[in-house]
């Protein structure tokens, strides 16, 4: 499993892996943000371009994602989805793929990620099974909100996915709900079958001087602002990042 450490715009230099996620609305608004991730793409790093659903309350239109993609040239784009809405998500995916199949698009050069949604565990599983049928979808994202709809949290959803991955889709974990130690719950075999995870929780925790070595692993109780300039302990941030990398690589 790899991790994309999400950093605020003014702290992008703390991005220390070759696996990244950037947000469509920030790519289009902040040139320094766009240039940073375009450089990562040029270096051959794996770059996911997200549709900004969590940040904006709803995903941006496919045309907007594709416009941002021209600037950063991602490896993969996240197709529009509907939060906790199986039917709405599948409908949005159908519309997106219909557009992408047009002769003038020729499926572009990107891989496509679809996010699996449902209001409850049964709907989520139905959505997962339905997404197996789309040949164009390379990766399925499992959002952090599944922590709230499965009795045993997101790991239960992940294990369903791993046991029912008939089309052998890659798996990406979108965000971390409230405690970074979720990533320790996956055994070596499970972690090896999860391509990656993204989260701002490590930076967020460090802003509050939480140390993972001291088991201060819960997310602070406010939303981090990705365009704010924070005072940060760089040594502690690196220490926390290294601790997470150790968890997911063992």
Protein backbone atom coordinates (compact mmCIF):
# COMPACT_ATOMS: atom_id res chain seq x y z
CA UNK A 1 0.00 0.00 0.00
CA UNK A 2 1.21 3.49 -0.87
CA UNK A 3 0.11 6.76 0.67
CA UNK A 4 -0.54 10.19 -0.75
CA UNK A 5 0.06 12.73 2.00
CA UNK A 6 -2.35 15.61 1.42
CA UNK A 7 -0.68 18.92 2.33
CA UNK A 8 -2.06 22.49 2.26
CA UNK A 9 -0.95 24.59 -0.70
CA UNK A 10 1.68 26.48 1.28
CA UNK A 11 3.24 23.26 2.56
CA UNK A 12 3.51 21.12 -0.57
CA UNK A 13 7.24 20.67 0.00
CA UNK A 14 6.41 18.18 2.74
CA UNK A 15 5.06 15.74 0.14
CA UNK A 16 7.61 12.91 0.45
CA UNK A 17 6.22 10.00 -1.61
CA UNK A 18 5.83 9.18 -5.30
CA UNK A 19 2.06 8.68 -4.93
CA UNK A 20 -0.10 11.81 -4.96
CA UNK A 21 -3.64 13.14 -5.07
CA UNK A 22 -4.57 16.66 -6.17
CA UNK A 23 -7.95 18.38 -6.18
CA UNK A 24 -9.57 19.73 -9.33
CA UNK A 25 -10.79 23.03 -7.88
CA UNK A 26 -7.34 23.85 -6.44
CA UNK A 27 -5.58 22.96 -9.69
CA UNK A 28 -7.76 25.46 -11.53
CA UNK A 29 -7.48 28.24 -8.95
CA UNK A 30 -3.87 28.17 -7.72
CA UNK A 31 -1.04 28.16 -10.31
CA UNK A 32 1.60 27.12 -7.76
CA UNK A 33 -0.48 24.09 -6.81
CA UNK A 34 -0.99 23.16 -10.46
CA UNK A 35 2.72 23.53 -11.24
CA UNK A 36 3.75 21.41 -8.26
CA UNK A 37 1.65 18.45 -9.33
CA UNK A 38 2.45 18.87 -13.01
CA UNK A 39 6.10 18.54 -12.01
CA UNK A 40 5.33 15.35 -10.07
CA UNK A 41 3.59 13.97 -13.14
CA UNK A 42 6.57 14.90 -15.31
CA UNK A 43 8.83 13.01 -12.90
CA UNK A 44 6.80 9.86 -13.49
CA UNK A 45 5.08 9.79 -10.10
CA UNK A 46 1.58 8.35 -9.83
CA UNK A 47 -0.90 11.23 -9.70
CA UNK A 48 -4.63 10.96 -8.99
CA UNK A 49 -6.83 13.93 -9.90
CA UNK A 50 -9.84 14.01 -7.56
CA UNK A 51 -13.23 15.54 -8.37
CA UNK A 52 -13.32 17.63 -5.13
CA UNK A 53 -16.58 16.12 -3.83
CA UNK A 54 -15.59 16.18 -0.15
CA UNK A 55 -14.17 19.69 -0.29
CA UNK A 56 -17.02 21.28 -2.27
CA UNK A 57 -19.98 19.19 -1.10
CA UNK A 58 -20.54 17.75 -4.56
CA UNK A 59 -18.25 16.59 -7.32
CA UNK A 60 -17.43 19.00 -10.12
CA UNK A 61 -18.57 18.20 -13.66
CA UNK A 62 -16.51 15.79 -15.76
CA UNK A 63 -15.66 18.61 -18.16
CA UNK A 64 -14.11 20.55 -15.28
CA UNK A 65 -12.04 17.56 -14.18
CA UNK A 66 -10.83 17.07 -17.74
CA UNK A 67 -9.91 20.76 -17.98
CA UNK A 68 -7.78 20.44 -14.84
CA UNK A 69 -6.29 17.21 -16.19
CA UNK A 70 -4.83 19.07 -19.17
CA UNK A 71 -2.73 21.11 -16.75
CA UNK A 72 -1.40 18.38 -14.45
CA UNK A 73 -1.52 15.32 -16.76
CA UNK A 74 -2.54 12.82 -14.04
CA UNK A 75 -2.16 9.08 -14.18
CA UNK A 76 -5.78 8.66 -13.13
CA UNK A 77 -8.91 10.77 -12.71
CA UNK A 78 -11.74 10.20 -10.25
CA UNK A 79 -15.05 10.17 -12.08
CA UNK A 80 -17.97 12.25 -10.71
CA UNK A 81 -19.86 10.50 -7.90
CA UNK A 82 -22.74 11.14 -5.48
CA UNK A 83 -22.04 11.00 -1.75
CA UNK A 84 -23.63 7.94 -0.09
CA UNK A 85 -25.83 7.48 -3.18
CA UNK A 86 -25.50 4.19 -5.06
CA UNK A 87 -28.00 4.98 -7.83
CA UNK A 88 -26.77 8.55 -8.25
CA UNK A 89 -23.16 7.41 -8.43
CA UNK A 90 -23.82 4.71 -11.01
CA UNK A 91 -25.85 7.19 -13.08
CA UNK A 92 -23.03 9.75 -12.91
CA UNK A 93 -20.52 7.10 -13.99
CA UNK A 94 -22.71 6.04 -16.91
CA UNK A 95 -22.96 9.64 -18.09
CA UNK A 96 -19.23 10.20 -17.73
CA UNK A 97 -18.28 7.07 -19.63
CA UNK A 98 -20.80 7.89 -22.36
CA UNK A 99 -19.01 11.22 -22.80
CA UNK A 100 -15.57 9.63 -22.65
CA UNK A 101 -16.45 7.04 -25.29
CA UNK A 102 -17.18 9.70 -27.90
CA UNK A 103 -14.87 9.59 -30.93
CA UNK A 104 -13.46 13.04 -30.21
CA UNK A 105 -12.40 11.91 -26.72
CA UNK A 106 -11.04 8.43 -27.49
CA UNK A 107 -10.96 7.66 -23.75
CA UNK A 108 -8.04 10.08 -23.46
CA UNK A 109 -4.81 8.85 -21.84
CA UNK A 110 -5.98 8.53 -18.27
CA UNK A 111 -7.02 5.64 -16.11
CA UNK A 112 -10.37 6.02 -14.37
CA UNK A 113 -11.31 5.58 -10.74
CA UNK A 114 -14.92 5.19 -9.61
CA UNK A 115 -15.92 5.71 -5.98
CA UNK A 116 -18.21 3.12 -4.40
CA UNK A 117 -21.19 4.54 -2.48
CA UNK A 118 -24.30 3.43 -0.59
CA UNK A 119 -26.46 4.59 2.29
CA UNK A 120 -25.92 1.31 4.12
CA UNK A 121 -23.71 -1.75 3.91
CA UNK A 122 -26.01 -3.67 1.58
CA UNK A 123 -26.29 -0.79 -0.90
CA UNK A 124 -22.54 -0.28 -0.77
CA UNK A 125 -21.93 -3.94 -1.58
CA UNK A 126 -24.40 -3.73 -4.46
CA UNK A 127 -22.55 -0.70 -5.80
CA UNK A 128 -19.21 -2.52 -5.49
CA UNK A 129 -20.60 -5.50 -7.42
CA UNK A 130 -22.03 -3.22 -10.12
CA UNK A 131 -18.72 -1.41 -10.58
CA UNK A 132 -17.05 -4.73 -11.39
CA UNK A 133 -18.96 -4.70 -14.70
CA UNK A 134 -17.31 -1.57 -16.13
CA UNK A 135 -14.30 -2.48 -18.25
CA UNK A 136 -13.19 1.17 -18.42
CA UNK A 137 -12.85 1.48 -14.65
CA UNK A 138 -9.30 0.71 -13.57
CA UNK A 139 -9.62 1.43 -9.86
CA UNK A 140 -12.44 1.53 -7.29
CA UNK A 141 -12.21 4.00 -4.43
CA UNK A 142 -13.46 3.08 -0.97
CA UNK A 143 -14.37 6.34 0.83
CA UNK A 144 -13.67 7.04 4.47
CA UNK A 145 -17.40 7.43 5.21
CA UNK A 146 -17.76 3.63 4.98
CA UNK A 147 -16.37 3.73 8.53
CA UNK A 148 -19.86 4.88 9.60
CA UNK A 149 -21.99 2.43 7.61
CA UNK A 150 -20.25 -0.88 8.35
CA UNK A 151 -20.41 -2.37 11.84
CA UNK A 152 -16.67 -3.01 11.88
CA UNK A 153 -15.75 0.19 10.05
CA UNK A 154 -14.07 0.54 6.66
CA UNK A 155 -11.92 -2.60 7.13
CA UNK A 156 -15.14 -4.62 6.82
CA UNK A 157 -15.89 -2.92 3.50
CA UNK A 158 -12.33 -3.47 2.33
CA UNK A 159 -12.51 -7.17 3.15
CA UNK A 160 -15.76 -7.50 1.22
CA UNK A 161 -14.06 -5.79 -1.71
CA UNK A 162 -11.01 -8.03 -1.57
CA UNK A 163 -13.16 -11.16 -1.44
CA UNK A 164 -15.42 -10.01 -4.28
CA UNK A 165 -12.98 -8.41 -6.69
CA UNK A 166 -13.88 -10.60 -9.66
CA UNK A 167 -12.63 -8.08 -12.21
CA UNK A 168 -9.35 -7.56 -10.32
CA UNK A 169 -9.82 -3.80 -9.96
CA UNK A 170 -7.17 -1.81 -8.14
CA UNK A 171 -8.30 -0.41 -4.77
CA UNK A 172 -7.68 3.04 -3.33
CA UNK A 173 -8.79 4.19 0.14
CA UNK A 174 -10.12 7.74 0.04
CA UNK A 175 -9.15 9.60 3.19
CA UNK A 176 -9.05 8.46 6.82
CA UNK A 177 -12.15 9.02 8.98
CA UNK A 178 -10.86 9.82 12.47
CA UNK A 179 -7.88 7.68 13.46
CA UNK A 180 -4.76 6.96 11.40
CA UNK A 181 -4.37 3.58 13.12
CA UNK A 182 -7.05 2.23 10.76
CA UNK A 183 -4.12 1.59 8.43
CA UNK A 184 -2.65 -0.84 10.98
CA UNK A 185 -5.79 -2.99 10.86
CA UNK A 186 -4.93 -4.53 7.49
CA UNK A 187 -2.68 -7.56 7.57
CA UNK A 188 0.29 -7.93 5.24
CA UNK A 189 -1.71 -9.79 2.58
CA UNK A 190 -4.58 -7.30 2.67
CA UNK A 191 -2.28 -4.28 2.55
CA UNK A 192 -0.46 -5.75 -0.45
CA UNK A 193 -3.77 -5.82 -2.36
CA UNK A 194 -4.66 -2.21 -1.58
CA UNK A 195 -2.91 0.08 -4.05
CA UNK A 196 -2.95 3.18 -1.88
CA UNK A 197 -4.59 5.64 0.47
CA UNK A 198 -4.68 9.43 0.64
CA UNK A 199 -5.20 11.64 3.68
CA UNK A 200 -4.48 15.03 5.21
CA UNK A 201 -4.69 13.54 8.72
CA UNK A 202 -0.92 13.34 9.21
CA UNK A 203 -0.38 17.02 8.48
CA UNK A 204 -3.53 17.88 10.43
CA UNK A 205 -2.35 15.98 13.51
CA UNK A 206 1.07 17.57 13.34
CA UNK A 207 -0.43 21.06 13.33
CA UNK A 208 -1.70 20.21 16.82
CA UNK A 209 1.70 18.70 17.76
CA UNK A 210 0.24 15.20 18.03
CA UNK A 211 2.93 12.51 17.97
CA UNK A 212 2.12 9.08 16.60
CA UNK A 213 4.97 7.68 18.68
CA UNK A 214 2.96 8.81 21.71
CA UNK A 215 -0.21 7.20 20.35
CA UNK A 216 -1.83 10.57 19.61
CA UNK A 217 -3.42 9.23 16.46
CA UNK A 218 -6.93 10.72 16.33
CA UNK A 219 -7.75 13.54 13.92
CA UNK A 220 -8.28 17.00 15.49
CA UNK A 221 -11.94 17.98 15.76
CA UNK A 222 -12.02 20.61 13.02
CA UNK A 223 -11.58 20.61 9.27
CA UNK A 224 -8.17 21.53 7.96
CA UNK A 225 -8.02 24.40 5.47
CA UNK A 226 -5.91 23.48 2.46
CA UNK A 227 -5.32 27.10 1.50
CA UNK A 228 -4.21 28.29 4.95
CA UNK A 229 -0.62 28.85 6.01
CA UNK A 230 0.05 26.84 9.18
CA UNK A 231 2.85 26.86 11.70
CA UNK A 232 4.27 23.36 11.49
CA UNK A 233 6.99 21.37 13.23
CA UNK A 234 8.77 19.89 10.22
CA UNK A 235 10.70 17.36 12.28
CA UNK A 236 7.53 16.06 13.93
CA UNK A 237 5.72 15.91 10.58
CA UNK A 238 8.52 13.79 9.09
CA UNK A 239 8.47 11.57 12.17
CA UNK A 240 4.71 11.03 11.86
CA UNK A 241 4.98 10.39 8.12
CA UNK A 242 7.72 7.83 8.66
CA UNK A 243 5.63 6.08 11.30
CA UNK A 244 2.71 5.75 8.88
CA UNK A 245 4.99 4.49 6.13
CA UNK A 246 6.31 1.86 8.51
CA UNK A 247 2.77 0.70 9.34
CA UNK A 248 1.67 0.32 5.74
CA UNK A 249 4.88 -1.23 4.43
CA UNK A 250 5.18 -3.97 7.07
